[in-house]
Amino acid sequence: MCIDWKRVSKRIYQQRKKMRMSREEVAEKIGRVPSYYGDIERGTCGMSVDTLVALSNTLHLSVDYILYGAAEETDIYEQICRSLKNYDIRIQNRALSLMDFYLKQEVKTG
């Protein structure tokens, strides 16, 4: 299967924007210089497995989604866990309560 680096870069760019992070912030978090990260985001170069995993963790995206755009059901659970793991238990419990409340409202309103 061939990787379409332009599509990879688009998914990375969209998630960075969604998270309201600058290129410099992402580059710092993944341990790369901003110019290299910019090349990744423009799709003008590939990346190492280490960089891919660092991006996955930083942007809260699965590696599968970054590379192929496919999100499986288990990826959603992994994304939720990754999003919450850096917070203390109090905030994690609050997030869980909010999610439960939201889902119950969705069921009621259909």
PDB file of N, CA and C in Angstrom:
ATOM      1  N   MET A   1       0.845  -1.174   0.000  1.00  0.00           N
ATOM      2  CA  MET A   1       0.000   0.000   0.000  1.00  0.00           C
ATOM      3  C   MET A   1       0.889   1.236   0.000  1.00  0.00           C
ATOM      4  N   CYS A   2       0.627   2.149  -0.883  1.00  0.00           N
ATOM      5  CA  CYS A   2       1.416   3.363  -1.036  1.00  0.00           C
ATOM      6  C   CYS A   2       0.861   4.477  -0.138  1.00  0.00           C
ATOM      7  N   ILE A   3       1.746   5.188   0.509  1.00  0.00           N
ATOM      8  CA  ILE A   3       1.326   6.286   1.380  1.00  0.00           C
ATOM      9  C   ILE A   3       1.288   7.571   0.570  1.00  0.00           C
ATOM     10  N   ASP A   4       0.174   8.277   0.635  1.00  0.00           N
ATOM     11  CA  ASP A   4       0.005   9.566  -0.033  1.00  0.00           C
ATOM     12  C   ASP A   4       0.407  10.660   0.960  1.00  0.00           C
ATOM     13  N   TRP A   5       1.646  11.150   0.831  1.00  0.00           N
ATOM     14  CA  TRP A   5       2.185  12.103   1.797  1.00  0.00           C
ATOM     15  C   TRP A   5       1.431  13.426   1.792  1.00  0.00           C
ATOM     16  N   LYS A   6       0.830  13.793   0.678  1.00  0.00           N
ATOM     17  CA  LYS A   6       0.029  15.026   0.638  1.00  0.00           C
ATOM     18  C   LYS A   6      -1.206  14.881   1.527  1.00  0.00           C
ATOM     19  N   ARG A   7      -1.836  13.719   1.481  1.00  0.00           N
ATOM     20  CA  ARG A   7      -3.002  13.486   2.350  1.00  0.00           C
ATOM     21  C   ARG A   7      -2.578  13.376   3.810  1.00  0.00           C
ATOM     22  N   VAL A   8      -1.440  12.739   4.044  1.00  0.00           N
ATOM     23  CA  VAL A   8      -0.900  12.659   5.404  1.00  0.00           C
ATOM     24  C   VAL A   8      -0.705  14.074   5.942  1.00  0.00           C
ATOM     25  N   SER A   9      -0.070  14.910   5.138  1.00  0.00           N
ATOM     26  CA  SER A   9       0.210  16.280   5.581  1.00  0.00           C
ATOM     27  C   SER A   9      -1.079  17.051   5.849  1.00  0.00           C
ATOM     28  N   LYS A  10      -2.104  16.820   5.041  1.00  0.00           N
ATOM     29  CA  LYS A  10      -3.388  17.507   5.239  1.00  0.00           C
ATOM     30  C   LYS A  10      -4.030  17.094   6.564  1.00  0.00           C
ATOM     31  N   ARG A  11      -3.982  15.810   6.885  1.00  0.00           N
ATOM     32  CA  ARG A  11      -4.554  15.341   8.154  1.00  0.00           C
ATOM     33  C   ARG A  11      -3.794  15.933   9.341  1.00  0.00           C
ATOM     34  N   ILE A  12      -2.481  15.991   9.236  1.00  0.00           N
ATOM     35  CA  ILE A  12      -1.656  16.562  10.303  1.00  0.00           C
ATOM     36  C   ILE A  12      -1.968  18.048  10.461  1.00  0.00           C
ATOM     37  N   TYR A  13      -2.003  18.768   9.347  1.00  0.00           N
ATOM     38  CA  TYR A  13      -2.293  20.204   9.374  1.00  0.00           C
ATOM     39  C   TYR A  13      -3.661  20.481   9.995  1.00  0.00           C
ATOM     40  N   GLN A  14      -4.676  19.739   9.557  1.00  0.00           N
ATOM     41  CA  GLN A  14      -6.032  19.960  10.062  1.00  0.00           C
ATOM     42  C   GLN A  14      -6.116  19.724  11.567  1.00  0.00           C
ATOM     43  N   GLN A  15      -5.451  18.688  12.045  1.00  0.00           N
ATOM     44  CA  GLN A  15      -5.494  18.411  13.483  1.00  0.00           C
ATOM     45  C   GLN A  15      -4.739  19.474  14.271  1.00  0.00           C
ATOM     46  N   ARG A  16      -3.609  19.936  13.747  1.00  0.00           N
ATOM     47  CA  ARG A  16      -2.853  20.989  14.440  1.00  0.00           C
ATOM     48  C   ARG A  16      -3.714  22.234  14.570  1.00  0.00           C
ATOM     49  N   LYS A  17      -4.395  22.605  13.488  1.00  0.00           N
ATOM     50  CA  LYS A  17      -5.270  23.780  13.518  1.00  0.00           C
ATOM     51  C   LYS A  17      -6.416  23.573  14.506  1.00  0.00           C
ATOM     52  N   LYS A  18      -6.990  22.380  14.483  1.00  0.00           N
ATOM     53  CA  LYS A  18      -8.097  22.056  15.386  1.00  0.00           C
ATOM     54  C   LYS A  18      -7.661  22.192  16.848  1.00  0.00           C
ATOM     55  N   MET A  19      -6.421  21.825  17.129  1.00  0.00           N
ATOM     56  CA  MET A  19      -5.890  21.907  18.489  1.00  0.00           C
ATOM     57  C   MET A  19      -5.341  23.296  18.814  1.00  0.00           C
ATOM     58  N   ARG A  20      -5.390  24.189  17.838  1.00  0.00           N
ATOM     59  CA  ARG A  20      -4.921  25.572  17.994  1.00  0.00           C
ATOM     60  C   ARG A  20      -3.458  25.634  18.446  1.00  0.00           C
ATOM     61  N   MET A  21      -2.649  24.829  17.778  1.00  0.00           N
ATOM     62  CA  MET A  21      -1.215  24.814  18.060  1.00  0.00           C
ATOM     63  C   MET A  21      -0.476  25.423  16.877  1.00  0.00           C
ATOM     64  N   SER A  22       0.637  26.065  17.161  1.00  0.00           N
ATOM     65  CA  SER A  22       1.474  26.596  16.087  1.00  0.00           C
ATOM     66  C   SER A  22       2.403  25.493  15.586  1.00  0.00           C
ATOM     67  N   ARG A  23       2.982  25.719  14.424  1.00  0.00           N
ATOM     68  CA  ARG A  23       3.963  24.755  13.902  1.00  0.00           C
ATOM     69  C   ARG A  23       5.130  24.613  14.871  1.00  0.00           C
ATOM     70  N   GLU A  24       5.529  25.748  15.437  1.00  0.00           N
ATOM     71  CA  GLU A  24       6.654  25.745  16.364  1.00  0.00           C
ATOM     72  C   GLU A  24       6.349  24.911  17.609  1.00  0.00           C
ATOM     73  N   GLU A  25       5.119  25.015  18.113  1.00  0.00           N
ATOM     74  CA  GLU A  25       4.733  24.234  19.294  1.00  0.00           C
ATOM     75  C   GLU A  25       4.787  22.734  19.008  1.00  0.00           C
ATOM     76  N   VAL A  26       4.241  22.343  17.863  1.00  0.00           N
ATOM     77  CA  VAL A  26       4.252  20.918  17.512  1.00  0.00           C
ATOM     78  C   VAL A  26       5.690  20.447  17.329  1.00  0.00           C
ATOM     79  N   ALA A  27       6.484  21.232  16.611  1.00  0.00           N
ATOM     80  CA  ALA A  27       7.884  20.862  16.381  1.00  0.00           C
ATOM     81  C   ALA A  27       8.619  20.657  17.703  1.00  0.00           C
ATOM     82  N   GLU A  28       8.390  21.550  18.652  1.00  0.00           N
ATOM     83  CA  GLU A  28       9.044  21.433  19.957  1.00  0.00           C
ATOM     84  C   GLU A  28       8.594  20.164  20.681  1.00  0.00           C
ATOM     85  N   LYS A  29       7.296  19.887  20.655  1.00  0.00           N
ATOM     86  CA  LYS A  29       6.767  18.716  21.360  1.00  0.00           C
ATOM     87  C   LYS A  29       7.256  17.398  20.758  1.00  0.00           C
ATOM     88  N   ILE A  30       7.489  17.376  19.446  1.00  0.00           N
ATOM     89  CA  ILE A  30       7.967  16.138  18.818  1.00  0.00           C
ATOM     90  C   ILE A  30       9.494  16.082  18.743  1.00  0.00           C
ATOM     91  N   GLY A  31      10.152  17.134  19.219  1.00  0.00           N
ATOM     92  CA  GLY A  31      11.609  17.138  19.267  1.00  0.00           C
ATOM     93  C   GLY A  31      12.277  17.326  17.917  1.00  0.00           C
ATOM     94  N   ARG A  32      11.643  18.092  17.046  1.00  0.00           N
ATOM     95  CA  ARG A  32      12.204  18.354  15.720  1.00  0.00           C
ATOM     96  C   ARG A  32      12.258  19.863  15.488  1.00  0.00           C
ATOM     97  N   VAL A  33      13.102  20.293  14.566  1.00  0.00           N
ATOM     98  CA  VAL A  33      13.181  21.722  14.253  1.00  0.00           C
ATOM     99  C   VAL A  33      11.945  22.131  13.458  1.00  0.00           C
ATOM    100  N   PRO A  34      11.493  23.385  13.621  1.00  0.00           N
ATOM    101  CA  PRO A  34      10.281  23.829  12.933  1.00  0.00           C
ATOM    102  C   PRO A  34      10.328  23.689  11.413  1.00  0.00           C
ATOM    103  N   SER A  35      11.494  23.890  10.808  1.00  0.00           N
ATOM    104  CA  SER A  35      11.562  23.791   9.343  1.00  0.00           C
ATOM    105  C   SER A  35      11.294  22.359   8.875  1.00  0.00           C
ATOM    106  N   TYR A  36      11.788  21.375   9.612  1.00  0.00           N
ATOM    107  CA  TYR A  36      11.531  19.976   9.263  1.00  0.00           C
ATOM    108  C   TYR A  36      10.057  19.648   9.447  1.00  0.00           C
ATOM    109  N   TYR A  37       9.479  20.079  10.568  1.00  0.00           N
ATOM    110  CA  TYR A  37       8.051  19.844  10.778  1.00  0.00           C
ATOM    111  C   TYR A  37       7.237  20.516   9.674  1.00  0.00           C
ATOM    112  N   GLY A  38       7.638  21.708   9.259  1.00  0.00           N
ATOM    113  CA  GLY A  38       6.950  22.397   8.165  1.00  0.00           C
ATOM    114  C   GLY A  38       6.982  21.585   6.881  1.00  0.00           C
ATOM    115  N   ASP A  39       8.120  20.945   6.605  1.00  0.00           N
ATOM    116  CA  ASP A  39       8.221  20.079   5.421  1.00  0.00           C
ATOM    117  C   ASP A  39       7.264  18.890   5.523  1.00  0.00           C
ATOM    118  N   ILE A  40       7.151  18.320   6.715  1.00  0.00           N
ATOM    119  CA  ILE A  40       6.208  17.209   6.919  1.00  0.00           C
ATOM    120  C   ILE A  40       4.792  17.694   6.651  1.00  0.00           C
ATOM    121  N   GLU A  41       4.459  18.850   7.213  1.00  0.00           N
ATOM    122  CA  GLU A  41       3.098  19.366   7.090  1.00  0.00           C
ATOM    123  C   GLU A  41       2.759  19.778   5.654  1.00  0.00           C
ATOM    124  N   ARG A  42       3.749  20.147   4.886  1.00  0.00           N
ATOM    125  CA  ARG A  42       3.524  20.486   3.471  1.00  0.00           C
ATOM    126  C   ARG A  42       3.550  19.248   2.579  1.00  0.00           C
ATOM    127  N   GLY A  43       3.961  18.121   3.133  1.00  0.00           N
ATOM    128  CA  GLY A  43       3.997  16.886   2.360  1.00  0.00           C
ATOM    129  C   GLY A  43       5.182  16.786   1.430  1.00  0.00           C
ATOM    130  N   THR A  44       6.236  17.546   1.719  1.00  0.00           N
ATOM    131  CA  THR A  44       7.413  17.520   0.850  1.00  0.00           C
ATOM    132  C   THR A  44       8.461  16.513   1.308  1.00  0.00           C
ATOM    133  N   CYS A  45       8.198  15.853   2.449  1.00  0.00           N
ATOM    134  CA  CYS A  45       9.109  14.804   2.906  1.00  0.00           C
ATOM    135  C   CYS A  45       8.342  13.804   3.751  1.00  0.00           C
ATOM    136  N   GLY A  46       8.925  12.648   3.914  1.00  0.00           N
ATOM    137  CA  GLY A  46       8.347  11.637   4.791  1.00  0.00           C
ATOM    138  C   GLY A  46       8.865  11.850   6.202  1.00  0.00           C
ATOM    139  N   MET A  47       8.737  10.822   7.029  1.00  0.00           N
ATOM    140  CA  MET A  47       9.215  10.950   8.407  1.00  0.00           C
ATOM    141  C   MET A  47       9.586   9.577   8.947  1.00  0.00           C
ATOM    142  N   SER A  48      10.393   9.593   9.979  1.00  0.00           N
ATOM    143  CA  SER A  48      10.786   8.342  10.635  1.00  0.00           C
ATOM    144  C   SER A  48       9.628   7.812  11.476  1.00  0.00           C
ATOM    145  N   VAL A  49       9.744   6.568  11.867  1.00  0.00           N
ATOM    146  CA  VAL A  49       8.732   5.968  12.747  1.00  0.00           C
ATOM    147  C   VAL A  49       8.688   6.728  14.070  1.00  0.00           C
ATOM    148  N   ASP A  50       9.849   7.118  14.592  1.00  0.00           N
ATOM    149  CA  ASP A  50       9.887   7.877  15.846  1.00  0.00           C
ATOM    150  C   ASP A  50       9.116   9.187  15.728  1.00  0.00           C
ATOM    151  N   THR A  51       9.299   9.883  14.619  1.00  0.00           N
ATOM    152  CA  THR A  51       8.591  11.145  14.402  1.00  0.00           C
ATOM    153  C   THR A  51       7.103  10.901  14.247  1.00  0.00           C
ATOM    154  N   LEU A  52       6.745   9.857  13.526  1.00  0.00           N
ATOM    155  CA  LEU A  52       5.334   9.509  13.340  1.00  0.00           C
ATOM    156  C   LEU A  52       4.657   9.230  14.682  1.00  0.00           C
ATOM    157  N   VAL A  53       5.315   8.467  15.537  1.00  0.00           N
ATOM    158  CA  VAL A  53       4.752   8.148  16.856  1.00  0.00           C
ATOM    159  C   VAL A  53       4.653   9.410  17.712  1.00  0.00           C
ATOM    160  N   ALA A  54       5.670  10.261  17.652  1.00  0.00           N
ATOM    161  CA  ALA A  54       5.633  11.515  18.411  1.00  0.00           C
ATOM    162  C   ALA A  54       4.476  12.396  17.941  1.00  0.00           C
ATOM    163  N   LEU A  55       4.253  12.454  16.632  1.00  0.00           N
ATOM    164  CA  LEU A  55       3.116  13.219  16.100  1.00  0.00           C
ATOM    165  C   LEU A  55       1.794  12.610  16.542  1.00  0.00           C
ATOM    166  N   SER A  56       1.718  11.300  16.513  1.00  0.00           N
ATOM    167  CA  SER A  56       0.513  10.601  16.944  1.00  0.00           C
ATOM    168  C   SER A  56       0.166  10.973  18.383  1.00  0.00           C
ATOM    169  N   ASN A  57       1.153  10.953  19.253  1.00  0.00           N
ATOM    170  CA  ASN A  57       0.930  11.291  20.659  1.00  0.00           C
ATOM    171  C   ASN A  57       0.606  12.768  20.851  1.00  0.00           C
ATOM    172  N   THR A  58       1.317  13.632  20.164  1.00  0.00           N
ATOM    173  CA  THR A  58       1.125  15.073  20.312  1.00  0.00           C
ATOM    174  C   THR A  58      -0.222  15.527  19.782  1.00  0.00           C
ATOM    175  N   LEU A  59      -0.620  14.994  18.626  1.00  0.00           N
ATOM    176  CA  LEU A  59      -1.864  15.434  17.985  1.00  0.00           C
ATOM    177  C   LEU A  59      -3.066  14.570  18.355  1.00  0.00           C
ATOM    178  N   HIS A  60      -2.850  13.564  19.202  1.00  0.00           N
ATOM    179  CA  HIS A  60      -3.938  12.670  19.637  1.00  0.00           C
ATOM    180  C   HIS A  60      -4.639  12.015  18.448  1.00  0.00           C
ATOM    181  N   LEU A  61      -3.820  11.526  17.517  1.00  0.00           N
ATOM    182  CA  LEU A  61      -4.321  10.803  16.345  1.00  0.00           C
ATOM    183  C   LEU A  61      -3.656   9.438  16.301  1.00  0.00           C
ATOM    184  N   SER A  62      -4.362   8.440  15.810  1.00  0.00           N
ATOM    185  CA  SER A  62      -3.731   7.128  15.661  1.00  0.00           C
ATOM    186  C   SER A  62      -2.769   7.160  14.473  1.00  0.00           C
ATOM    187  N   VAL A  63      -1.778   6.298  14.519  1.00  0.00           N
ATOM    188  CA  VAL A  63      -0.835   6.182  13.408  1.00  0.00           C
ATOM    189  C   VAL A  63      -1.582   5.784  12.139  1.00  0.00           C
ATOM    190  N   ASP A  64      -2.534   4.855  12.258  1.00  0.00           N
ATOM    191  CA  ASP A  64      -3.334   4.448  11.095  1.00  0.00           C
ATOM    192  C   ASP A  64      -4.036   5.638  10.462  1.00  0.00           C
ATOM    193  N   TYR A  65      -4.629   6.478  11.300  1.00  0.00           N
ATOM    194  CA  TYR A  65      -5.344   7.630  10.759  1.00  0.00           C
ATOM    195  C   TYR A  65      -4.380   8.588  10.071  1.00  0.00           C
ATOM    196  N   ILE A  66      -3.240   8.855  10.693  1.00  0.00           N
ATOM    197  CA  ILE A  66      -2.272   9.764  10.073  1.00  0.00           C
ATOM    198  C   ILE A  66      -1.855   9.234   8.705  1.00  0.00           C
ATOM    199  N   LEU A  67      -1.527   7.954   8.625  1.00  0.00           N
ATOM    200  CA  LEU A  67      -1.013   7.395   7.375  1.00  0.00           C
ATOM    201  C   LEU A  67      -2.084   7.127   6.328  1.00  0.00           C
ATOM    202  N   TYR A  68      -3.230   6.620   6.755  1.00  0.00           N
ATOM    203  CA  TYR A  68      -4.214   6.143   5.780  1.00  0.00           C
ATOM    204  C   TYR A  68      -5.580   6.813   5.865  1.00  0.00           C
ATOM    205  N   GLY A  69      -5.802   7.592   6.907  1.00  0.00           N
ATOM    206  CA  GLY A  69      -7.083   8.269   7.038  1.00  0.00           C
ATOM    207  C   GLY A  69      -8.191   7.386   7.555  1.00  0.00           C
ATOM    208  N   ALA A  70      -7.857   6.180   7.984  1.00  0.00           N
ATOM    209  CA  ALA A  70      -8.874   5.245   8.471  1.00  0.00           C
ATOM    210  C   ALA A  70      -8.877   5.258   9.989  1.00  0.00           C
ATOM    211  N   ALA A  71     -10.046   5.512  10.543  1.00  0.00           N
ATOM    212  CA  ALA A  71     -10.183   5.477  12.001  1.00  0.00           C
ATOM    213  C   ALA A  71     -11.085   4.317  12.365  1.00  0.00           C
ATOM    214  N   GLU A  72     -10.540   3.370  13.078  1.00  0.00           N
ATOM    215  CA  GLU A  72     -11.334   2.236  13.530  1.00  0.00           C
ATOM    216  C   GLU A  72     -11.942   2.566  14.882  1.00  0.00           C
ATOM    217  N   GLU A  73     -12.943   1.792  15.258  1.00  0.00           N
ATOM    218  CA  GLU A  73     -13.632   2.036  16.518  1.00  0.00           C
ATOM    219  C   GLU A  73     -12.665   2.059  17.700  1.00  0.00           C
ATOM    220  N   THR A  74     -11.714   1.143  17.725  1.00  0.00           N
ATOM    221  CA  THR A  74     -10.782   1.108  18.850  1.00  0.00           C
ATOM    222  C   THR A  74      -9.913   2.356  18.893  1.00  0.00           C
ATOM    223  N   ASP A  75      -9.703   2.995  17.747  1.00  0.00           N
ATOM    224  CA  ASP A  75      -8.917   4.219  17.721  1.00  0.00           C
ATOM    225  C   ASP A  75      -9.584   5.319  18.528  1.00  0.00           C
ATOM    226  N   ILE A  76     -10.909   5.361  18.531  1.00  0.00           N
ATOM    227  CA  ILE A  76     -11.632   6.373  19.291  1.00  0.00           C
ATOM    228  C   ILE A  76     -11.324   6.212  20.777  1.00  0.00           C
ATOM    229  N   TYR A  77     -11.362   4.990  21.266  1.00  0.00           N
ATOM    230  CA  TYR A  77     -11.053   4.740  22.674  1.00  0.00           C
ATOM    231  C   TYR A  77      -9.611   5.123  22.988  1.00  0.00           C
ATOM    232  N   GLU A  78      -8.710   4.786  22.091  1.00  0.00           N
ATOM    233  CA  GLU A  78      -7.305   5.134  22.283  1.00  0.00           C
ATOM    234  C   GLU A  78      -7.121   6.643  22.296  1.00  0.00           C
ATOM    235  N   GLN A  79      -7.822   7.351  21.420  1.00  0.00           N
ATOM    236  CA  GLN A  79      -7.723   8.807  21.379  1.00  0.00           C
ATOM    237  C   GLN A  79      -8.232   9.427  22.672  1.00  0.00           C
ATOM    238  N   ILE A  80      -9.330   8.914  23.189  1.00  0.00           N
ATOM    239  CA  ILE A  80      -9.864   9.426  24.451  1.00  0.00           C
ATOM    240  C   ILE A  80      -8.848   9.205  25.572  1.00  0.00           C
ATOM    241  N   CYS A  81      -8.295   8.009  25.639  1.00  0.00           N
ATOM    242  CA  CYS A  81      -7.307   7.702  26.677  1.00  0.00           C
ATOM    243  C   CYS A  81      -6.066   8.578  26.546  1.00  0.00           C
ATOM    244  N   ARG A  82      -5.577   8.735  25.325  1.00  0.00           N
ATOM    245  CA  ARG A  82      -4.398   9.575  25.100  1.00  0.00           C
ATOM    246  C   ARG A  82      -4.662  11.020  25.479  1.00  0.00           C
ATOM    247  N   SER A  83      -5.871  11.499  25.178  1.00  0.00           N
ATOM    248  CA  SER A  83      -6.226  12.879  25.496  1.00  0.00           C
ATOM    249  C   SER A  83      -6.257  13.116  27.000  1.00  0.00           C
ATOM    250  N   LEU A  84      -6.682  12.124  27.756  1.00  0.00           N
ATOM    251  CA  LEU A  84      -6.860  12.293  29.199  1.00  0.00           C
ATOM    252  C   LEU A  84      -5.642  11.926  30.037  1.00  0.00           C
ATOM    253  N   LYS A  85      -4.711  11.161  29.490  1.00  0.00           N
ATOM    254  CA  LYS A  85      -3.645  10.592  30.316  1.00  0.00           C
ATOM    255  C   LYS A  85      -2.729  11.629  30.962  1.00  0.00           C
ATOM    256  N   ASN A  86      -2.636  12.819  30.409  1.00  0.00           N
ATOM    257  CA  ASN A  86      -1.740  13.834  30.964  1.00  0.00           C
ATOM    258  C   ASN A  86      -2.385  14.676  32.059  1.00  0.00           C
ATOM    259  N   TYR A  87      -3.633  14.380  32.388  1.00  0.00           N
ATOM    260  CA  TYR A  87      -4.341  15.146  33.410  1.00  0.00           C
ATOM    261  C   TYR A  87      -4.466  14.327  34.686  1.00  0.00           C
ATOM    262  N   ASP A  88      -4.630  15.039  35.809  1.00  0.00           N
ATOM    263  CA  ASP A  88      -4.789  14.315  37.069  1.00  0.00           C
ATOM    264  C   ASP A  88      -6.165  13.658  37.131  1.00  0.00           C
ATOM    265  N   ILE A  89      -6.343  12.776  38.097  1.00  0.00           N
ATOM    266  CA  ILE A  89      -7.542  11.947  38.194  1.00  0.00           C
ATOM    267  C   ILE A  89      -8.806  12.782  38.371  1.00  0.00           C
ATOM    268  N   ARG A  90      -8.697  13.911  39.049  1.00  0.00           N
ATOM    269  CA  ARG A  90      -9.861  14.780  39.251  1.00  0.00           C
ATOM    270  C   ARG A  90     -10.393  15.293  37.917  1.00  0.00           C
ATOM    271  N   ILE A  91      -9.506  15.743  37.064  1.00  0.00           N
ATOM    272  CA  ILE A  91      -9.908  16.247  35.750  1.00  0.00           C
ATOM    273  C   ILE A  91     -10.403  15.102  34.874  1.00  0.00           C
ATOM    274  N   GLN A  92      -9.765  13.944  34.958  1.00  0.00           N
ATOM    275  CA  GLN A  92     -10.226  12.783  34.191  1.00  0.00           C
ATOM    276  C   GLN A  92     -11.653  12.405  34.581  1.00  0.00           C
ATOM    277  N   ASN A  93     -11.934  12.396  35.885  1.00  0.00           N
ATOM    278  CA  ASN A  93     -13.289  12.068  36.345  1.00  0.00           C
ATOM    279  C   ASN A  93     -14.301  13.111  35.892  1.00  0.00           C
ATOM    280  N   ARG A  94     -13.908  14.362  35.918  1.00  0.00           N
ATOM    281  CA  ARG A  94     -14.806  15.437  35.457  1.00  0.00           C
ATOM    282  C   ARG A  94     -15.106  15.267  33.968  1.00  0.00           C
ATOM    283  N   ALA A  95     -14.086  14.969  33.185  1.00  0.00           N
ATOM    284  CA  ALA A  95     -14.277  14.758  31.743  1.00  0.00           C
ATOM    285  C   ALA A  95     -15.209  13.579  31.492  1.00  0.00           C
ATOM    286  N   LEU A  96     -15.048  12.523  32.257  1.00  0.00           N
ATOM    287  CA  LEU A  96     -15.917  11.353  32.120  1.00  0.00           C
ATOM    288  C   LEU A  96     -17.361  11.708  32.462  1.00  0.00           C
ATOM    289  N   SER A  97     -17.556  12.481  33.522  1.00  0.00           N
ATOM    290  CA  SER A  97     -18.908  12.909  33.900  1.00  0.00           C
ATOM    291  C   SER A  97     -19.542  13.763  32.811  1.00  0.00           C
ATOM    292  N   LEU A  98     -18.766  14.676  32.248  1.00  0.00           N
ATOM    293  CA  LEU A  98     -19.283  15.524  31.169  1.00  0.00           C
ATOM    294  C   LEU A  98     -19.637  14.701  29.939  1.00  0.00           C
ATOM    295  N   MET A  99     -18.799  13.731  29.614  1.00  0.00           N
ATOM    296  CA  MET A  99     -19.072  12.876  28.465  1.00  0.00           C
ATOM    297  C   MET A  99     -20.340  12.058  28.700  1.00  0.00           C
ATOM    298  N   ASP A 100     -20.492  11.502  29.895  1.00  0.00           N
ATOM    299  CA  ASP A 100     -21.710  10.749  30.225  1.00  0.00           C
ATOM    300  C   ASP A 100     -22.944  11.630  30.108  1.00  0.00           C
ATOM    301  N   PHE A 101     -22.870  12.841  30.650  1.00  0.00           N
ATOM    302  CA  PHE A 101     -23.995  13.769  30.586  1.00  0.00           C
ATOM    303  C   PHE A 101     -24.358  14.069  29.130  1.00  0.00           C
ATOM    304  N   TYR A 102     -23.356  14.372  28.330  1.00  0.00           N
ATOM    305  CA  TYR A 102     -23.587  14.683  26.919  1.00  0.00           C
ATOM    306  C   TYR A 102     -24.235  13.504  26.197  1.00  0.00           C
ATOM    307  N   LEU A 103     -23.722  12.320  26.412  1.00  0.00           N
ATOM    308  CA  LEU A 103     -24.260  11.139  25.730  1.00  0.00           C
ATOM    309  C   LEU A 103     -25.701  10.853  26.144  1.00  0.00           C
ATOM    310  N   LYS A 104     -26.021  11.041  27.411  1.00  0.00           N
ATOM    311  CA  LYS A 104     -27.397  10.846  27.866  1.00  0.00           C
ATOM    312  C   LYS A 104     -28.334  11.850  27.205  1.00  0.00           C
ATOM    313  N   GLN A 105     -27.867  13.081  27.022  1.00  0.00           N
ATOM    314  CA  GLN A 105     -28.673  14.102  26.351  1.00  0.00           C
ATOM    315  C   GLN A 105     -28.893  13.737  24.883  1.00  0.00           C
ATOM    316  N   GLU A 106     -27.864  13.200  24.248  1.00  0.00           N
ATOM    317  CA  GLU A 106     -27.975  12.784  22.847  1.00  0.00           C
ATOM    318  C   GLU A 106     -28.997  11.669  22.689  1.00  0.00           C
ATOM    319  N   VAL A 107     -29.008  10.729  23.623  1.00  0.00           N
ATOM    320  CA  VAL A 107     -29.962   9.616  23.564  1.00  0.00           C
ATOM    321  C   VAL A 107     -31.388  10.139  23.724  1.00  0.00           C
ATOM    322  N   LYS A 108     -31.575  11.098  24.632  1.00  0.00           N
ATOM    323  CA  LYS A 108     -32.911  11.656  24.872  1.00  0.00           C
ATOM    324  C   LYS A 108     -33.439  12.416  23.661  1.00  0.00           C
ATOM    325  N   THR A 109     -32.552  13.178  23.014  1.00  0.00           N
ATOM    326  CA  THR A 109     -32.983  14.023  21.894  1.00  0.00           C
ATOM    327  C   THR A 109     -32.904  13.314  20.555  1.00  0.00           C
ATOM    328  N   GLY A 110     -32.228  12.176  20.537  1.00  0.00           N
ATOM    329  CA  GLY A 110     -32.164  11.335  19.341  1.00  0.00           C
ATOM    330  C   GLY A 110     -31.379  11.937  18.284  1.00  0.00           C
TER     331      GLY A 110
END
